[in-house]
């Protein structure tokens, strides 16, 4: 199955956990087409930012979003089939 994998890493600055967050800053994006075998899952992890790069430093709420789009099935081609976001407060 061919998938398009998109990732976004953002920082909402905040001086402390539970503090008011500032405006979102996009820190890293990724976009790739990958192939996975049915019923085996991902054999190689996909990272945002890409391996060898980083999203910089900052204190606040870091948000990571991943979106999968199926590109090889005729009835689903180009449709967003899954998206997930995770936010954590970190001082980096």
Protein backbone atom coordinates (compact mmCIF):
# COMPACT_ATOMS: atom_id res chain seq x y z
CA UNK A 1 0.00 0.00 0.00
CA UNK A 2 1.30 3.45 -0.86
CA UNK A 3 0.85 6.15 1.76
CA UNK A 4 1.60 9.82 1.94
CA UNK A 5 2.91 10.69 5.41
CA UNK A 6 2.83 14.31 6.54
CA UNK A 7 4.21 15.63 9.81
CA UNK A 8 4.18 18.97 11.61
CA UNK A 9 6.04 19.98 14.78
CA UNK A 10 4.94 23.24 16.42
CA UNK A 11 5.82 25.14 19.58
CA UNK A 12 3.37 27.25 21.57
CA UNK A 13 5.72 29.22 23.88
CA UNK A 14 4.86 29.20 27.60
CA UNK A 15 7.08 29.97 30.58
CA UNK A 16 5.63 27.20 32.75
CA UNK A 17 3.42 24.12 32.54
CA UNK A 18 -0.17 25.29 32.85
CA UNK A 19 0.84 28.78 31.75
CA UNK A 20 -0.80 30.72 28.95
CA UNK A 21 0.54 29.64 25.57
CA UNK A 22 1.71 32.09 22.96
CA UNK A 23 1.17 32.03 19.21
CA UNK A 24 2.08 28.77 17.42
CA UNK A 25 5.50 28.59 15.79
CA UNK A 26 5.98 25.99 13.05
CA UNK A 27 9.30 24.29 13.82
CA UNK A 28 9.51 21.37 11.37
CA UNK A 29 7.51 19.85 8.52
CA UNK A 30 7.88 16.62 6.62
CA UNK A 31 6.11 15.08 3.66
CA UNK A 32 6.94 11.74 2.06
CA UNK A 33 5.48 8.89 0.06
CA UNK A 34 6.15 5.47 1.56
CA UNK A 35 5.12 1.89 0.84
CA UNK A 36 3.97 -0.50 3.55
CA UNK A 37 3.01 -4.15 3.33
CA UNK A 38 -0.51 -5.09 4.40
CA UNK A 39 -0.86 -6.53 7.92
CA UNK A 40 2.78 -5.90 8.82
CA UNK A 41 2.73 -2.28 9.97
CA UNK A 42 5.58 0.15 9.49
CA UNK A 43 8.97 -1.49 9.25
CA UNK A 44 10.86 1.81 9.42
CA UNK A 45 9.77 4.70 11.63
CA UNK A 46 9.12 8.04 9.95
CA UNK A 47 10.24 11.14 11.83
CA UNK A 48 9.37 14.83 11.93
CA UNK A 49 11.78 16.49 11.79
CA UNK A 50 13.67 14.20 9.44
CA UNK A 51 16.59 12.24 10.89
CA UNK A 52 19.63 14.50 11.25
CA UNK A 53 17.59 17.69 11.75
CA UNK A 54 15.86 19.17 14.78
CA UNK A 55 13.00 21.47 15.62
CA UNK A 56 15.15 23.87 17.60
CA UNK A 57 14.90 24.82 21.23
CA UNK A 58 12.13 26.38 23.26
CA UNK A 59 10.01 26.23 26.39
CA UNK A 60 6.32 25.62 26.07
CA UNK A 61 3.78 23.29 24.56
CA UNK A 62 5.28 21.19 21.78
CA UNK A 63 2.68 19.76 19.41
CA UNK A 64 3.35 16.95 16.93
CA UNK A 65 0.81 16.01 14.26
CA UNK A 66 1.01 13.11 11.82
CA UNK A 67 -1.38 12.53 8.93
CA UNK A 68 -1.62 9.44 6.71
CA UNK A 69 -3.20 9.55 3.25
CA UNK A 70 -3.78 6.40 1.19
CA UNK A 71 -2.54 6.83 -2.39
CA UNK A 72 -2.85 3.33 -3.82
CA UNK A 73 -6.46 2.27 -3.25
CA UNK A 74 -8.82 3.57 -5.98
CA UNK A 75 -11.78 4.27 -3.69
CA UNK A 76 -9.67 6.12 -1.07
CA UNK A 77 -6.94 7.71 -3.19
CA UNK A 78 -6.04 11.17 -1.93
CA UNK A 79 -8.36 11.04 1.09
CA UNK A 80 -7.08 11.69 4.60
CA UNK A 81 -7.44 8.40 6.38
CA UNK A 82 -5.86 9.09 9.73
CA UNK A 83 -4.45 11.97 11.75
CA UNK A 84 -3.20 12.21 15.31
CA UNK A 85 -1.77 15.01 17.46
CA UNK A 86 0.10 14.92 20.75
CA UNK A 87 0.96 17.98 22.88
CA UNK A 88 3.45 18.04 25.78
CA UNK A 89 5.01 20.83 27.83
CA UNK A 90 8.80 20.74 27.59
CA UNK A 91 11.78 22.97 28.26
CA UNK A 92 14.29 22.19 25.51
